[in-house]
Amino acid sequence: MLSFEAILKARVARAASIVANFLLSWTILPFLMAPFRAYSPGDFAEVLLWQAMGMVGWPLALLGSAFSLLIQPASTDLASVLLLLIYPALVLLLLIVLIPERPKLWAVVLLHVLLACSFVAVWHGVLTGYDFMGG
């Protein structure tokens, strides 16, 4: 059995690695994507805004996507629905990684990969001028 201090240190280390992944994915990752250029502070703010909206608004967005699939299945953007499914998976993995004393290694790795993938998808949309509010 691990001591409380050891458990707390392990959780803080896991949380710090998640925060570092978040910051690197938000700030450094776009420089690895075409077009390789400097981005405006507005681009960085827009990506952060869309990530925050995805993390908070995914339940209602999934409900809206389900209704859209029922009403107009041909007009539903499947890529957007798949991107939307990343957010509940991130929340679940975050709980799996931060709550137990010793989380599963696969959950930690998958959390980091999905977090980076969500930023790749949003950065790609921002850099290509995708209309996130199109309907």
C-alpha atoms as a PDB file:
ATOM      1  CA  MET A   1       0.000   0.000   0.000  1.00  0.00           C
ATOM      2  CA  LEU A   2       1.341   3.379  -0.961  1.00  0.00           C
ATOM      3  CA  SER A   3       1.408   6.284   1.455  1.00  0.00           C
ATOM      4  CA  PHE A   4      -0.849   9.272   0.945  1.00  0.00           C
ATOM      5  CA  GLU A   5       2.124  11.459   0.016  1.00  0.00           C
ATOM      6  CA  ALA A   6       3.290   8.985  -2.644  1.00  0.00           C
ATOM      7  CA  ILE A   7      -0.208   8.777  -4.125  1.00  0.00           C
ATOM      8  CA  LEU A   8      -0.502  12.564  -4.149  1.00  0.00           C
ATOM      9  CA  LYS A   9       2.901  12.963  -5.817  1.00  0.00           C
ATOM     10  CA  ALA A  10       1.965  10.428  -8.481  1.00  0.00           C
ATOM     11  CA  ARG A  11      -1.330  12.207  -9.208  1.00  0.00           C
ATOM     12  CA  VAL A  12       0.381  15.585  -9.398  1.00  0.00           C
ATOM     13  CA  ALA A  13       2.971  14.138 -11.802  1.00  0.00           C
ATOM     14  CA  ARG A  14       0.216  12.686 -14.030  1.00  0.00           C
ATOM     15  CA  ALA A  15      -1.708  15.966 -13.958  1.00  0.00           C
ATOM     16  CA  ALA A  16       1.462  17.902 -14.802  1.00  0.00           C
ATOM     17  CA  SER A  17       2.141  15.654 -17.793  1.00  0.00           C
ATOM     18  CA  ILE A  18      -1.419  16.215 -19.043  1.00  0.00           C
ATOM     19  CA  VAL A  19      -1.059  19.993 -18.652  1.00  0.00           C
ATOM     20  CA  ALA A  20       2.297  19.883 -20.472  1.00  0.00           C
ATOM     21  CA  ASN A  21       0.712  17.888 -23.325  1.00  0.00           C
ATOM     22  CA  PHE A  22      -2.124  20.420 -23.478  1.00  0.00           C
ATOM     23  CA  LEU A  23       0.258  23.395 -23.638  1.00  0.00           C
ATOM     24  CA  LEU A  24       2.550  21.775 -26.208  1.00  0.00           C
ATOM     25  CA  SER A  25      -0.380  20.683 -28.369  1.00  0.00           C
ATOM     26  CA  TRP A  26      -1.832  24.192 -28.207  1.00  0.00           C
ATOM     27  CA  THR A  27       1.342  26.190 -28.820  1.00  0.00           C
ATOM     28  CA  ILE A  28       3.983  24.054 -30.572  1.00  0.00           C
ATOM     29  CA  LEU A  29       1.882  21.598 -32.595  1.00  0.00           C
ATOM     30  CA  PRO A  30       0.607  24.150 -35.150  1.00  0.00           C
ATOM     31  CA  PHE A  31       4.183  24.856 -36.233  1.00  0.00           C
ATOM     32  CA  LEU A  32       4.446  21.215 -37.318  1.00  0.00           C
ATOM     33  CA  MET A  33       1.384  21.509 -39.565  1.00  0.00           C
ATOM     34  CA  ALA A  34       1.147  23.081 -43.015  1.00  0.00           C
ATOM     35  CA  PRO A  35       1.209  25.985 -43.768  1.00  0.00           C
ATOM     36  CA  PHE A  36       4.356  26.334 -41.688  1.00  0.00           C
ATOM     37  CA  ARG A  37       4.108  29.943 -40.552  1.00  0.00           C
ATOM     38  CA  ALA A  38       3.638  32.113 -37.499  1.00  0.00           C
ATOM     39  CA  TYR A  39       0.069  32.306 -36.284  1.00  0.00           C
ATOM     40  CA  SER A  40      -1.795  35.247 -34.855  1.00  0.00           C
ATOM     41  CA  PRO A  41      -2.885  35.399 -31.223  1.00  0.00           C
ATOM     42  CA  GLY A  42      -6.424  35.241 -32.596  1.00  0.00           C
ATOM     43  CA  ASP A  43      -5.736  31.787 -34.078  1.00  0.00           C
ATOM     44  CA  PHE A  44      -4.442  30.550 -30.718  1.00  0.00           C
ATOM     45  CA  ALA A  45      -7.476  32.015 -28.951  1.00  0.00           C
ATOM     46  CA  GLU A  46      -9.860  30.464 -31.486  1.00  0.00           C
ATOM     47  CA  VAL A  47      -8.349  27.005 -31.019  1.00  0.00           C
ATOM     48  CA  LEU A  48      -8.565  27.326 -27.254  1.00  0.00           C
ATOM     49  CA  LEU A  49     -12.177  28.495 -27.538  1.00  0.00           C
ATOM     50  CA  TRP A  50     -13.185  25.542 -29.725  1.00  0.00           C
ATOM     51  CA  GLN A  51     -11.408  23.075 -27.430  1.00  0.00           C
ATOM     52  CA  ALA A  52     -13.210  24.528 -24.411  1.00  0.00           C
ATOM     53  CA  MET A  53     -16.552  24.416 -26.205  1.00  0.00           C
ATOM     54  CA  GLY A  54     -15.911  20.804 -27.165  1.00  0.00           C
ATOM     55  CA  MET A  55     -15.058  19.785 -23.605  1.00  0.00           C
ATOM     56  CA  VAL A  56     -18.115  21.502 -22.129  1.00  0.00           C
ATOM     57  CA  GLY A  57     -20.682  21.186 -24.904  1.00  0.00           C
ATOM     58  CA  TRP A  58     -20.204  17.620 -26.118  1.00  0.00           C
ATOM     59  CA  PRO A  59     -23.352  16.170 -24.448  1.00  0.00           C
ATOM     60  CA  LEU A  60     -25.678  18.580 -26.243  1.00  0.00           C
ATOM     61  CA  ALA A  61     -23.680  18.305 -29.460  1.00  0.00           C
ATOM     62  CA  LEU A  62     -23.997  14.506 -29.400  1.00  0.00           C
ATOM     63  CA  LEU A  63     -27.737  14.830 -28.854  1.00  0.00           C
ATOM     64  CA  GLY A  64     -27.974  17.259 -31.779  1.00  0.00           C
ATOM     65  CA  SER A  65     -25.908  14.945 -33.962  1.00  0.00           C
ATOM     66  CA  ALA A  66     -28.169  12.017 -33.132  1.00  0.00           C
ATOM     67  CA  PHE A  67     -31.254  14.034 -34.104  1.00  0.00           C
ATOM     68  CA  SER A  68     -29.504  15.188 -37.269  1.00  0.00           C
ATOM     69  CA  LEU A  69     -28.724  11.577 -38.185  1.00  0.00           C
ATOM     70  CA  LEU A  70     -32.380  10.643 -37.692  1.00  0.00           C
ATOM     71  CA  ILE A  71     -33.817  13.569 -39.640  1.00  0.00           C
ATOM     72  CA  GLN A  72     -31.251  14.083 -42.428  1.00  0.00           C
ATOM     73  CA  PRO A  73     -28.772  11.182 -42.498  1.00  0.00           C
ATOM     74  CA  ALA A  74     -27.250  12.258 -45.831  1.00  0.00           C
ATOM     75  CA  SER A  75     -26.336  15.754 -44.607  1.00  0.00           C
ATOM     76  CA  THR A  76     -24.536  14.757 -41.404  1.00  0.00           C
ATOM     77  CA  ASP A  77     -20.782  15.310 -41.364  1.00  0.00           C
ATOM     78  CA  LEU A  78     -19.409  12.014 -40.022  1.00  0.00           C
ATOM     79  CA  ALA A  79     -15.943  13.469 -39.409  1.00  0.00           C
ATOM     80  CA  SER A  80     -17.423  16.069 -37.050  1.00  0.00           C
ATOM     81  CA  VAL A  81     -19.339  13.401 -35.165  1.00  0.00           C
ATOM     82  CA  LEU A  82     -16.170  11.323 -34.790  1.00  0.00           C
ATOM     83  CA  LEU A  83     -14.246  14.372 -33.570  1.00  0.00           C
ATOM     84  CA  LEU A  84     -17.041  15.035 -31.107  1.00  0.00           C
ATOM     85  CA  LEU A  85     -16.659  11.511 -29.669  1.00  0.00           C
ATOM     86  CA  ILE A  86     -13.095  12.351 -28.631  1.00  0.00           C
ATOM     87  CA  TYR A  87     -14.323  14.652 -25.849  1.00  0.00           C
ATOM     88  CA  PRO A  88     -16.336  12.128 -23.792  1.00  0.00           C
ATOM     89  CA  ALA A  89     -13.462   9.685 -24.257  1.00  0.00           C
ATOM     90  CA  LEU A  90     -11.061  12.328 -22.919  1.00  0.00           C
ATOM     91  CA  VAL A  91     -13.240  12.916 -19.857  1.00  0.00           C
ATOM     92  CA  LEU A  92     -13.512   9.184 -19.166  1.00  0.00           C
ATOM     93  CA  LEU A  93      -9.771   8.652 -19.608  1.00  0.00           C
ATOM     94  CA  LEU A  94      -9.024  11.636 -17.404  1.00  0.00           C
ATOM     95  CA  LEU A  95     -11.036  10.011 -14.620  1.00  0.00           C
ATOM     96  CA  ILE A  96      -9.364   6.637 -15.219  1.00  0.00           C
ATOM     97  CA  VAL A  97      -5.909   8.227 -15.085  1.00  0.00           C
ATOM     98  CA  LEU A  98      -6.271  10.670 -12.198  1.00  0.00           C
ATOM     99  CA  ILE A  99      -8.437   8.779  -9.691  1.00  0.00           C
ATOM    100  CA  PRO A 100      -6.754   5.383  -9.119  1.00  0.00           C
ATOM    101  CA  GLU A 101      -3.472   4.994  -7.239  1.00  0.00           C
ATOM    102  CA  ARG A 102      -1.895   3.176 -10.178  1.00  0.00           C
ATOM    103  CA  PRO A 103      -3.656   3.855 -13.485  1.00  0.00           C
ATOM    104  CA  LYS A 104      -3.327   1.539 -16.438  1.00  0.00           C
ATOM    105  CA  LEU A 105      -0.490   2.509 -18.767  1.00  0.00           C
ATOM    106  CA  TRP A 106      -2.728   2.120 -21.835  1.00  0.00           C
ATOM    107  CA  ALA A 107      -5.139   4.712 -20.398  1.00  0.00           C
ATOM    108  CA  VAL A 108      -2.352   7.240 -19.811  1.00  0.00           C
ATOM    109  CA  VAL A 109      -0.975   6.759 -23.337  1.00  0.00           C
ATOM    110  CA  LEU A 110      -4.417   6.884 -24.956  1.00  0.00           C
ATOM    111  CA  LEU A 111      -5.283  10.066 -23.029  1.00  0.00           C
ATOM    112  CA  HIS A 112      -2.156  11.803 -24.318  1.00  0.00           C
ATOM    113  CA  VAL A 113      -2.746  10.603 -27.891  1.00  0.00           C
ATOM    114  CA  LEU A 114      -6.408  11.657 -27.940  1.00  0.00           C
ATOM    115  CA  LEU A 115      -5.590  15.049 -26.441  1.00  0.00           C
ATOM    116  CA  ALA A 116      -3.010  15.700 -29.148  1.00  0.00           C
ATOM    117  CA  CYS A 117      -5.390  14.373 -31.850  1.00  0.00           C
ATOM    118  CA  SER A 118      -8.154  16.700 -30.710  1.00  0.00           C
ATOM    119  CA  PHE A 119      -5.793  19.653 -31.045  1.00  0.00           C
ATOM    120  CA  VAL A 120      -4.648  18.441 -34.482  1.00  0.00           C
ATOM    121  CA  ALA A 121      -8.251  18.301 -35.666  1.00  0.00           C
ATOM    122  CA  VAL A 122      -9.152  21.723 -34.304  1.00  0.00           C
ATOM    123  CA  TRP A 123      -5.907  23.335 -35.536  1.00  0.00           C
ATOM    124  CA  HIS A 124      -6.511  21.825 -38.972  1.00  0.00           C
ATOM    125  CA  GLY A 125      -9.996  23.324 -39.010  1.00  0.00           C
ATOM    126  CA  VAL A 126      -8.792  26.750 -37.909  1.00  0.00           C
ATOM    127  CA  LEU A 127      -5.870  26.812 -40.369  1.00  0.00           C
ATOM    128  CA  THR A 128      -7.989  25.745 -43.345  1.00  0.00           C
ATOM    129  CA  GLY A 129     -10.777  28.207 -42.557  1.00  0.00           C
ATOM    130  CA  TYR A 130     -13.351  25.523 -41.712  1.00  0.00           C
ATOM    131  CA  ASP A 131     -16.691  26.991 -40.625  1.00  0.00           C
ATOM    132  CA  PHE A 132     -17.328  25.324 -37.263  1.00  0.00           C
ATOM    133  CA  MET A 133     -20.706  27.016 -37.006  1.00  0.00           C
ATOM    134  CA  GLY A 134     -21.929  25.981 -40.438  1.00  0.00           C
ATOM    135  CA  GLY A 135     -25.329  24.372 -40.421  1.00  0.00           C
END
